[in-house]
Amino acid sequence: MKHLPKGCILRKATSKDASSIRWLVFKAKLDPTQLKWQQFWVIEFNSNIIACGQLRNFNEAQELGSLVVKNNWRNRGLGSFLSQHLIEQATQPLYLECLGKKLVDYYQKFGFVAVNFQDLPSSVKSKFRISQLGKKIIGVPVTFMNYCITSQSDCCETLLE
């Protein structure tokens, strides 16, 4: 795993971080539901949160979500560092949803593969149902992904085209 830039610290979020996390997620126009500070990890610099991400817990699955890096800190490896850390912290099968091909390409480099909605665990399906509806009705470019430790062909039987 790469190192954080000098002066940056990775740590579990605390209750004092809740408003900063909500603000980062809001500004990034990400899903504002289920923002539980207890599930977040943050990267800070000079006591300011510059990146965050969480592992949402579901029955028999987890979701990597709410991954945000402040604009002026992007392209320094913080998102990759945090993504890899969250993957390593996962204790159950790991899923995510992302909008657009650029994010699909980004998460593929960590070992995520696209999966069909019907192949998701029921607990995760409930969370992603609105996205799936938007995809079907108005063509929202959402892709559901699963983290695969083994090769992509061994992990998921049904891949999205």
C-alpha atoms as a PDB file:
ATOM      1  CA  MET A   1       0.000   0.000   0.000  1.00  0.00           C
ATOM      2  CA  LYS A   2       1.223   3.466  -0.809  1.00  0.00           C
ATOM      3  CA  HIS A   3       2.002   5.969   1.909  1.00  0.00           C
ATOM      4  CA  LEU A   4       0.004   9.023   2.822  1.00  0.00           C
ATOM      5  CA  PRO A   5       1.464  12.452   2.048  1.00  0.00           C
ATOM      6  CA  LYS A   6       3.577  13.896   4.854  1.00  0.00           C
ATOM      7  CA  GLY A   7       1.441  15.265   7.690  1.00  0.00           C
ATOM      8  CA  CYS A   8      -1.658  13.232   6.774  1.00  0.00           C
ATOM      9  CA  ILE A   9      -3.132  10.829   9.311  1.00  0.00           C
ATOM     10  CA  LEU A  10      -5.564   7.955   8.765  1.00  0.00           C
ATOM     11  CA  ARG A  11      -7.845   7.235  11.717  1.00  0.00           C
ATOM     12  CA  LYS A  12     -11.270   5.972  12.716  1.00  0.00           C
ATOM     13  CA  ALA A  13     -13.863   8.732  12.799  1.00  0.00           C
ATOM     14  CA  THR A  14     -15.131  10.060  16.118  1.00  0.00           C
ATOM     15  CA  SER A  15     -18.415  11.734  16.994  1.00  0.00           C
ATOM     16  CA  LYS A  16     -16.673  15.106  16.589  1.00  0.00           C
ATOM     17  CA  ASP A  17     -16.176  14.297  12.884  1.00  0.00           C
ATOM     18  CA  ALA A  18     -19.873  13.773  12.085  1.00  0.00           C
ATOM     19  CA  SER A  19     -20.584  17.267  10.730  1.00  0.00           C
ATOM     20  CA  SER A  20     -17.379  17.366   8.638  1.00  0.00           C
ATOM     21  CA  ILE A  21     -18.238  13.962   7.152  1.00  0.00           C
ATOM     22  CA  ARG A  22     -21.802  15.046   6.329  1.00  0.00           C
ATOM     23  CA  TRP A  23     -20.475  18.220   4.690  1.00  0.00           C
ATOM     24  CA  LEU A  24     -17.934  16.344   2.537  1.00  0.00           C
ATOM     25  CA  VAL A  25     -20.563  13.836   1.393  1.00  0.00           C
ATOM     26  CA  PHE A  26     -23.105  16.599   0.711  1.00  0.00           C
ATOM     27  CA  LYS A  27     -20.629  18.652  -1.350  1.00  0.00           C
ATOM     28  CA  ALA A  28     -19.702  15.568  -3.385  1.00  0.00           C
ATOM     29  CA  LYS A  29     -23.418  14.902  -4.097  1.00  0.00           C
ATOM     30  CA  LEU A  30     -23.145  11.349  -2.792  1.00  0.00           C
ATOM     31  CA  ASP A  31     -25.829   9.276  -1.094  1.00  0.00           C
ATOM     32  CA  PRO A  32     -26.565  11.136   2.164  1.00  0.00           C
ATOM     33  CA  THR A  33     -28.412   8.200   3.757  1.00  0.00           C
ATOM     34  CA  GLN A  34     -26.874   5.940   6.370  1.00  0.00           C
ATOM     35  CA  LEU A  35     -24.073   8.319   7.304  1.00  0.00           C
ATOM     36  CA  LYS A  36     -23.028   6.759  10.587  1.00  0.00           C
ATOM     37  CA  TRP A  37     -19.778   8.288  11.783  1.00  0.00           C
ATOM     38  CA  GLN A  38     -18.973   5.015  13.585  1.00  0.00           C
ATOM     39  CA  GLN A  39     -18.529   3.303  10.198  1.00  0.00           C
ATOM     40  CA  PHE A  40     -16.156   5.946   8.786  1.00  0.00           C
ATOM     41  CA  TRP A  41     -12.425   6.251   8.444  1.00  0.00           C
ATOM     42  CA  VAL A  42     -11.006   9.703   7.819  1.00  0.00           C
ATOM     43  CA  ILE A  43      -7.752  11.202   6.621  1.00  0.00           C
ATOM     44  CA  GLU A  44      -6.840  14.460   8.261  1.00  0.00           C
ATOM     45  CA  PHE A  45      -4.203  17.108   7.758  1.00  0.00           C
ATOM     46  CA  ASN A  46      -3.563  19.795  10.389  1.00  0.00           C
ATOM     47  CA  SER A  47      -6.671  18.600  12.269  1.00  0.00           C
ATOM     48  CA  ASN A  48      -8.893  19.085   9.180  1.00  0.00           C
ATOM     49  CA  ILE A  49     -10.640  16.162   7.524  1.00  0.00           C
ATOM     50  CA  ILE A  50      -9.585  16.005   3.882  1.00  0.00           C
ATOM     51  CA  ALA A  51     -10.984  12.576   2.957  1.00  0.00           C
ATOM     52  CA  CYS A  52     -13.459  10.046   4.289  1.00  0.00           C
ATOM     53  CA  GLY A  53     -15.047   6.721   3.453  1.00  0.00           C
ATOM     54  CA  GLN A  54     -17.170   4.158   5.201  1.00  0.00           C
ATOM     55  CA  LEU A  55     -18.011   0.485   5.357  1.00  0.00           C
ATOM     56  CA  ARG A  56     -21.785   0.249   5.690  1.00  0.00           C
ATOM     57  CA  ASN A  57     -22.872  -2.906   7.452  1.00  0.00           C
ATOM     58  CA  PHE A  58     -25.697  -5.060   6.131  1.00  0.00           C
ATOM     59  CA  ASN A  59     -26.848  -8.558   6.937  1.00  0.00           C
ATOM     60  CA  GLU A  60     -24.069 -10.788   5.548  1.00  0.00           C
ATOM     61  CA  ALA A  61     -22.509  -8.020   3.430  1.00  0.00           C
ATOM     62  CA  GLN A  62     -20.816  -4.625   3.570  1.00  0.00           C
ATOM     63  CA  GLU A  63     -20.783  -1.650   1.221  1.00  0.00           C
ATOM     64  CA  LEU A  64     -17.820   0.583   0.538  1.00  0.00           C
ATOM     65  CA  GLY A  65     -19.449   3.993   0.337  1.00  0.00           C
ATOM     66  CA  SER A  66     -19.231   7.721   0.836  1.00  0.00           C
ATOM     67  CA  LEU A  67     -15.633   7.852  -0.388  1.00  0.00           C
ATOM     68  CA  VAL A  68     -14.729  11.521  -0.770  1.00  0.00           C
ATOM     69  CA  VAL A  69     -11.478  13.455  -1.116  1.00  0.00           C
ATOM     70  CA  LYS A  70     -11.565  17.257  -0.906  1.00  0.00           C
ATOM     71  CA  ASN A  71     -11.000  18.843  -4.310  1.00  0.00           C
ATOM     72  CA  ASN A  72      -7.701  20.508  -3.417  1.00  0.00           C
ATOM     73  CA  TRP A  73      -6.309  17.165  -2.161  1.00  0.00           C
ATOM     74  CA  ARG A  74      -7.196  15.039  -5.185  1.00  0.00           C
ATOM     75  CA  ASN A  75      -4.634  13.278  -7.383  1.00  0.00           C
ATOM     76  CA  ARG A  76      -2.297  12.584  -4.467  1.00  0.00           C
ATOM     77  CA  GLY A  77      -3.309   8.969  -3.852  1.00  0.00           C
ATOM     78  CA  LEU A  78      -5.603   9.633  -0.879  1.00  0.00           C
ATOM     79  CA  GLY A  79      -8.642   7.972  -2.475  1.00  0.00           C
ATOM     80  CA  SER A  80      -6.613   4.914  -3.432  1.00  0.00           C
ATOM     81  CA  PHE A  81      -5.049   4.701   0.020  1.00  0.00           C
ATOM     82  CA  LEU A  82      -8.434   4.965   1.714  1.00  0.00           C
ATOM     83  CA  SER A  83     -10.096   2.525  -0.713  1.00  0.00           C
ATOM     84  CA  GLN A  84      -7.410  -0.085  -0.074  1.00  0.00           C
ATOM     85  CA  HIS A  85      -7.652   0.447   3.681  1.00  0.00           C
ATOM     86  CA  LEU A  86     -11.447   0.004   3.660  1.00  0.00           C
ATOM     87  CA  ILE A  87     -11.124  -3.156   1.558  1.00  0.00           C
ATOM     88  CA  GLU A  88      -8.668  -4.543   4.119  1.00  0.00           C
ATOM     89  CA  GLN A  89     -11.044  -3.671   6.980  1.00  0.00           C
ATOM     90  CA  ALA A  90     -14.017  -5.486   5.407  1.00  0.00           C
ATOM     91  CA  THR A  91     -15.152  -8.562   7.288  1.00  0.00           C
ATOM     92  CA  GLN A  92     -17.952  -9.665   4.927  1.00  0.00           C
ATOM     93  CA  PRO A  93     -18.503  -9.757   1.156  1.00  0.00           C
ATOM     94  CA  LEU A  94     -17.986  -6.205  -0.076  1.00  0.00           C
ATOM     95  CA  TYR A  95     -20.142  -4.324  -2.586  1.00  0.00           C
ATOM     96  CA  LEU A  96     -20.490  -0.817  -3.952  1.00  0.00           C
ATOM     97  CA  GLU A  97     -22.481   1.154  -6.479  1.00  0.00           C
ATOM     98  CA  CYS A  98     -20.977   3.768  -8.732  1.00  0.00           C
ATOM     99  CA  LEU A  99     -22.105   6.202 -11.383  1.00  0.00           C
ATOM    100  CA  GLY A 100     -20.304   6.302 -14.701  1.00  0.00           C
ATOM    101  CA  LYS A 101     -17.572   4.368 -16.450  1.00  0.00           C
ATOM    102  CA  LYS A 102     -14.766   6.397 -14.873  1.00  0.00           C
ATOM    103  CA  LEU A 103     -15.660   5.121 -11.389  1.00  0.00           C
ATOM    104  CA  VAL A 104     -16.112   1.565 -12.666  1.00  0.00           C
ATOM    105  CA  ASP A 105     -12.576   1.709 -14.080  1.00  0.00           C
ATOM    106  CA  TYR A 106     -11.293   3.189 -10.808  1.00  0.00           C
ATOM    107  CA  TYR A 107     -12.742   0.423  -8.629  1.00  0.00           C
ATOM    108  CA  GLN A 108     -11.752  -2.369 -11.025  1.00  0.00           C
ATOM    109  CA  LYS A 109      -8.105  -1.672 -10.262  1.00  0.00           C
ATOM    110  CA  PHE A 110      -8.795  -2.687  -6.638  1.00  0.00           C
ATOM    111  CA  GLY A 111     -10.437  -5.986  -7.631  1.00  0.00           C
ATOM    112  CA  PHE A 112     -14.105  -5.010  -7.930  1.00  0.00           C
ATOM    113  CA  VAL A 113     -16.146  -6.539 -10.744  1.00  0.00           C
ATOM    114  CA  ALA A 114     -19.541  -5.508 -12.089  1.00  0.00           C
ATOM    115  CA  VAL A 115     -22.448  -7.723 -11.061  1.00  0.00           C
ATOM    116  CA  ASN A 116     -26.100  -7.813 -12.016  1.00  0.00           C
ATOM    117  CA  PHE A 117     -28.620  -6.386  -9.589  1.00  0.00           C
ATOM    118  CA  GLN A 118     -30.409  -9.729  -9.226  1.00  0.00           C
ATOM    119  CA  ASP A 119     -27.161 -11.351  -8.054  1.00  0.00           C
ATOM    120  CA  LEU A 120     -26.741  -8.998  -5.083  1.00  0.00           C
ATOM    121  CA  PRO A 121     -27.469 -10.236  -1.545  1.00  0.00           C
ATOM    122  CA  SER A 122     -31.003  -9.286  -0.497  1.00  0.00           C
ATOM    123  CA  SER A 123     -29.768  -6.887   2.213  1.00  0.00           C
ATOM    124  CA  VAL A 124     -27.696  -4.928  -0.319  1.00  0.00           C
ATOM    125  CA  LYS A 125     -30.453  -5.150  -2.932  1.00  0.00           C
ATOM    126  CA  SER A 126     -32.744  -3.240  -0.589  1.00  0.00           C
ATOM    127  CA  LYS A 127     -30.209  -0.402  -0.369  1.00  0.00           C
ATOM    128  CA  PHE A 128     -29.531  -0.299  -4.127  1.00  0.00           C
ATOM    129  CA  ARG A 129     -33.171  -0.705  -5.242  1.00  0.00           C
ATOM    130  CA  ILE A 130     -33.725   3.014  -5.977  1.00  0.00           C
ATOM    131  CA  SER A 131     -30.560   3.155  -8.084  1.00  0.00           C
ATOM    132  CA  GLN A 132     -31.719   0.096 -10.017  1.00  0.00           C
ATOM    133  CA  LEU A 133     -35.095   1.747 -10.611  1.00  0.00           C
ATOM    134  CA  GLY A 134     -33.365   4.893 -11.922  1.00  0.00           C
ATOM    135  CA  LYS A 135     -31.218   2.735 -14.173  1.00  0.00           C
ATOM    136  CA  LYS A 136     -34.235   0.942 -15.651  1.00  0.00           C
ATOM    137  CA  ILE A 137     -36.552   3.934 -16.007  1.00  0.00           C
ATOM    138  CA  ILE A 138     -34.298   6.842 -17.011  1.00  0.00           C
ATOM    139  CA  GLY A 139     -30.991   5.160 -17.792  1.00  0.00           C
ATOM    140  CA  VAL A 140     -28.965   6.306 -14.785  1.00  0.00           C
ATOM    141  CA  PRO A 141     -25.451   4.923 -15.498  1.00  0.00           C
ATOM    142  CA  VAL A 142     -25.145   3.005 -12.229  1.00  0.00           C
ATOM    143  CA  THR A 143     -23.021  -0.115 -11.894  1.00  0.00           C
ATOM    144  CA  PHE A 144     -23.157  -2.504  -8.957  1.00  0.00           C
ATOM    145  CA  MET A 145     -19.830  -4.063  -8.063  1.00  0.00           C
ATOM    146  CA  ASN A 146     -18.480  -6.831  -5.832  1.00  0.00           C
ATOM    147  CA  TYR A 147     -14.953  -7.078  -4.462  1.00  0.00           C
ATOM    148  CA  CYS A 148     -13.255 -10.266  -5.615  1.00  0.00           C
ATOM    149  CA  ILE A 149     -10.135 -11.565  -3.954  1.00  0.00           C
ATOM    150  CA  THR A 150      -9.640 -14.264  -6.576  1.00  0.00           C
ATOM    151  CA  SER A 151      -9.475 -13.744 -10.317  1.00  0.00           C
ATOM    152  CA  GLN A 152     -12.438 -11.979 -11.865  1.00  0.00           C
ATOM    153  CA  SER A 153     -13.631 -15.088 -13.699  1.00  0.00           C
ATOM    154  CA  ASP A 154     -13.662 -17.163 -10.495  1.00  0.00           C
ATOM    155  CA  CYS A 155     -15.478 -14.554  -8.437  1.00  0.00           C
ATOM    156  CA  CYS A 156     -18.634 -13.612 -10.221  1.00  0.00           C
ATOM    157  CA  GLU A 157     -20.577 -15.755 -12.602  1.00  0.00           C
ATOM    158  CA  THR A 158     -22.651 -12.941 -14.072  1.00  0.00           C
ATOM    159  CA  LEU A 159     -20.846  -9.792 -15.174  1.00  0.00           C
ATOM    160  CA  LEU A 160     -22.464  -6.711 -16.616  1.00  0.00           C
ATOM    161  CA  GLU A 161     -21.608  -5.913 -20.191  1.00  0.00           C
END
